[in-house]
């Protein structure tokens, strides 16, 4: 059974939340995370997501929760 991860801030879109989860689970590959989240240009959009403060905050939350265990 998969662990339930509380959703981050309300400022994230569903796609950004999917990106964050994939990014943490895959060990920090932004391109792969963007592709998994359904972005049309994962190479550009993956790195762009990492520059957004609310995305970075969510990534810190997920790392603190240690969702990969």
N, C-alpha and C. Protein backbone atom coordinates (compact mmCIF):
# COMPACT_ATOMS: atom_id res chain seq x y z
N UNK A 1 0.86 -1.19 0.00
CA UNK A 1 0.00 0.00 0.00
C UNK A 1 0.89 1.24 0.00
N UNK A 2 0.62 2.18 -0.86
CA UNK A 2 1.42 3.41 -0.96
C UNK A 2 1.13 4.34 0.21
N UNK A 3 2.16 5.04 0.64
CA UNK A 3 1.99 6.00 1.73
C UNK A 3 1.20 7.20 1.24
N UNK A 4 0.39 7.74 2.11
CA UNK A 4 -0.36 8.95 1.80
C UNK A 4 0.52 10.14 2.15
N UNK A 5 0.75 11.00 1.17
CA UNK A 5 1.60 12.17 1.38
C UNK A 5 0.70 13.39 1.41
N UNK A 6 0.66 14.12 2.54
CA UNK A 6 -0.18 15.31 2.61
C UNK A 6 0.19 16.29 1.50
N UNK A 7 -0.80 16.88 0.89
CA UNK A 7 -0.59 17.81 -0.22
C UNK A 7 0.08 19.07 0.29
N UNK A 8 0.93 19.63 -0.54
CA UNK A 8 1.65 20.86 -0.20
C UNK A 8 0.75 22.07 -0.25
N UNK A 9 1.35 23.22 -0.40
CA UNK A 9 0.62 24.48 -0.42
C UNK A 9 -0.42 24.54 -1.53
N UNK A 10 -1.42 25.34 -1.31
CA UNK A 10 -2.51 25.47 -2.28
C UNK A 10 -2.07 26.14 -3.57
N UNK A 11 -0.85 26.70 -3.59
CA UNK A 11 -0.39 27.39 -4.78
C UNK A 11 0.12 26.46 -5.87
N UNK A 12 0.22 25.17 -5.58
CA UNK A 12 0.71 24.22 -6.58
C UNK A 12 -0.43 23.73 -7.46
N UNK A 13 -0.15 23.61 -8.75
CA UNK A 13 -1.10 22.96 -9.64
C UNK A 13 -0.97 21.46 -9.46
N UNK A 14 -1.91 20.70 -9.97
CA UNK A 14 -1.81 19.24 -9.91
C UNK A 14 -0.55 18.77 -10.62
N UNK A 15 -0.22 19.42 -11.73
CA UNK A 15 0.96 19.05 -12.50
C UNK A 15 2.25 19.34 -11.72
N UNK A 16 2.28 20.46 -11.02
CA UNK A 16 3.45 20.79 -10.20
C UNK A 16 3.60 19.82 -9.04
N UNK A 17 2.50 19.42 -8.43
CA UNK A 17 2.55 18.43 -7.35
C UNK A 17 3.09 17.10 -7.89
N UNK A 18 2.61 16.70 -9.06
CA UNK A 18 3.10 15.46 -9.68
C UNK A 18 4.59 15.57 -9.98
N UNK A 19 5.03 16.74 -10.44
CA UNK A 19 6.45 16.97 -10.69
C UNK A 19 7.25 16.80 -9.41
N UNK A 20 6.80 17.42 -8.34
CA UNK A 20 7.52 17.35 -7.06
C UNK A 20 7.63 15.92 -6.56
N UNK A 21 6.55 15.19 -6.61
CA UNK A 21 6.58 13.80 -6.15
C UNK A 21 7.54 12.98 -7.00
N UNK A 22 7.46 13.13 -8.32
CA UNK A 22 8.34 12.38 -9.22
C UNK A 22 9.80 12.77 -9.01
N UNK A 23 10.06 14.05 -8.80
CA UNK A 23 11.42 14.54 -8.62
C UNK A 23 12.08 13.91 -7.39
N UNK A 24 11.34 13.85 -6.30
CA UNK A 24 11.89 13.29 -5.07
C UNK A 24 12.06 11.77 -5.21
N UNK A 25 11.09 11.10 -5.79
CA UNK A 25 11.15 9.65 -5.92
C UNK A 25 12.26 9.22 -6.87
N UNK A 26 12.49 9.99 -7.95
CA UNK A 26 13.50 9.56 -8.93
C UNK A 26 14.91 10.00 -8.56
N UNK A 27 15.07 10.62 -7.42
CA UNK A 27 16.40 11.00 -6.97
C UNK A 27 16.88 12.35 -7.45
N UNK A 28 15.99 13.18 -7.98
CA UNK A 28 16.36 14.55 -8.32
C UNK A 28 16.59 14.83 -9.79
N UNK A 29 15.99 14.06 -10.68
CA UNK A 29 16.15 14.33 -12.11
C UNK A 29 14.94 15.15 -12.57
N UNK A 30 15.17 16.44 -12.84
CA UNK A 30 14.08 17.36 -13.18
C UNK A 30 13.45 17.02 -14.53
N UNK A 31 14.25 16.60 -15.50
CA UNK A 31 13.70 16.26 -16.82
C UNK A 31 12.78 15.05 -16.72
N UNK A 32 13.23 14.02 -16.03
CA UNK A 32 12.39 12.82 -15.87
C UNK A 32 11.12 13.13 -15.08
N UNK A 33 11.25 13.98 -14.07
CA UNK A 33 10.08 14.35 -13.27
C UNK A 33 9.08 15.13 -14.10
N UNK A 34 9.56 16.05 -14.93
CA UNK A 34 8.66 16.83 -15.79
C UNK A 34 7.98 15.93 -16.81
N UNK A 35 8.71 14.98 -17.33
CA UNK A 35 8.11 14.04 -18.28
C UNK A 35 7.03 13.21 -17.60
N UNK A 36 7.32 12.71 -16.40
CA UNK A 36 6.35 11.92 -15.65
C UNK A 36 5.11 12.74 -15.29
N UNK A 37 5.30 14.04 -15.08
CA UNK A 37 4.17 14.92 -14.72
C UNK A 37 3.37 15.37 -15.95
N UNK A 38 3.87 15.05 -17.14
CA UNK A 38 3.12 15.36 -18.36
C UNK A 38 3.43 16.69 -19.00
N UNK A 39 4.54 17.30 -18.66
CA UNK A 39 4.92 18.55 -19.31
C UNK A 39 5.29 18.28 -20.77
N UNK A 40 4.94 19.20 -21.65
CA UNK A 40 5.18 18.99 -23.08
C UNK A 40 6.63 19.17 -23.48
N UNK A 41 7.38 19.98 -22.76
CA UNK A 41 8.80 20.21 -23.03
C UNK A 41 9.57 19.95 -21.73
N UNK A 42 9.71 18.68 -21.36
CA UNK A 42 10.25 18.36 -20.03
C UNK A 42 11.66 18.90 -19.76
N UNK A 43 12.50 18.99 -20.76
CA UNK A 43 13.86 19.45 -20.50
C UNK A 43 13.86 20.91 -20.03
N UNK A 44 13.08 21.75 -20.69
CA UNK A 44 13.02 23.16 -20.30
C UNK A 44 12.15 23.34 -19.05
N UNK A 45 11.00 22.69 -19.05
CA UNK A 45 10.06 22.93 -17.97
C UNK A 45 10.49 22.30 -16.65
N UNK A 46 11.27 21.24 -16.71
CA UNK A 46 11.76 20.63 -15.48
C UNK A 46 12.67 21.58 -14.73
N UNK A 47 13.63 22.14 -15.44
CA UNK A 47 14.54 23.08 -14.77
C UNK A 47 13.82 24.36 -14.36
N UNK A 48 12.84 24.76 -15.13
CA UNK A 48 12.08 25.97 -14.79
C UNK A 48 11.30 25.78 -13.50
N UNK A 49 10.74 24.59 -13.29
CA UNK A 49 9.98 24.34 -12.07
C UNK A 49 10.86 24.51 -10.83
N UNK A 50 12.12 24.14 -10.94
CA UNK A 50 13.02 24.23 -9.79
C UNK A 50 13.30 25.66 -9.36
N UNK A 51 13.04 26.63 -10.23
CA UNK A 51 13.29 28.03 -9.90
C UNK A 51 12.09 28.69 -9.22
N UNK A 52 10.97 28.01 -9.16
CA UNK A 52 9.76 28.58 -8.57
C UNK A 52 9.75 28.35 -7.06
N UNK A 53 9.62 29.43 -6.29
CA UNK A 53 9.70 29.30 -4.82
C UNK A 53 8.71 28.31 -4.22
N UNK A 54 7.48 28.30 -4.70
CA UNK A 54 6.50 27.39 -4.10
C UNK A 54 6.80 25.93 -4.44
N UNK A 55 7.40 25.67 -5.58
CA UNK A 55 7.82 24.32 -5.94
C UNK A 55 9.00 23.91 -5.06
N UNK A 56 9.97 24.80 -4.91
CA UNK A 56 11.13 24.51 -4.07
C UNK A 56 10.71 24.23 -2.62
N UNK A 57 9.73 24.99 -2.14
CA UNK A 57 9.23 24.77 -0.78
C UNK A 57 8.60 23.38 -0.66
N UNK A 58 7.82 23.00 -1.65
CA UNK A 58 7.18 21.67 -1.62
C UNK A 58 8.23 20.57 -1.68
N UNK A 59 9.27 20.76 -2.48
CA UNK A 59 10.33 19.76 -2.54
C UNK A 59 11.00 19.60 -1.18
N UNK A 60 11.23 20.70 -0.49
CA UNK A 60 11.82 20.62 0.85
C UNK A 60 10.90 19.86 1.81
N UNK A 61 9.59 20.09 1.70
CA UNK A 61 8.63 19.39 2.55
C UNK A 61 8.69 17.88 2.29
N UNK A 62 8.72 17.51 1.02
CA UNK A 62 8.73 16.10 0.66
C UNK A 62 10.02 15.41 1.10
N UNK A 63 11.13 16.10 0.96
CA UNK A 63 12.40 15.54 1.41
C UNK A 63 12.36 15.33 2.92
N UNK A 64 11.79 16.28 3.65
CA UNK A 64 11.69 16.16 5.10
C UNK A 64 10.80 14.98 5.50
N UNK A 65 9.78 14.69 4.68
CA UNK A 65 8.90 13.56 4.96
C UNK A 65 9.55 12.23 4.61
N UNK A 66 10.63 12.27 3.83
CA UNK A 66 11.36 11.07 3.40
C UNK A 66 10.42 10.07 2.74
N UNK A 67 9.76 10.49 1.67
CA UNK A 67 8.76 9.66 1.00
C UNK A 67 9.35 8.50 0.23
N UNK A 68 10.66 8.43 0.07
CA UNK A 68 11.27 7.35 -0.71
C UNK A 68 11.50 6.08 0.13
N UNK A 69 11.27 6.15 1.41
CA UNK A 69 11.50 4.97 2.27
C UNK A 69 10.37 3.98 2.14
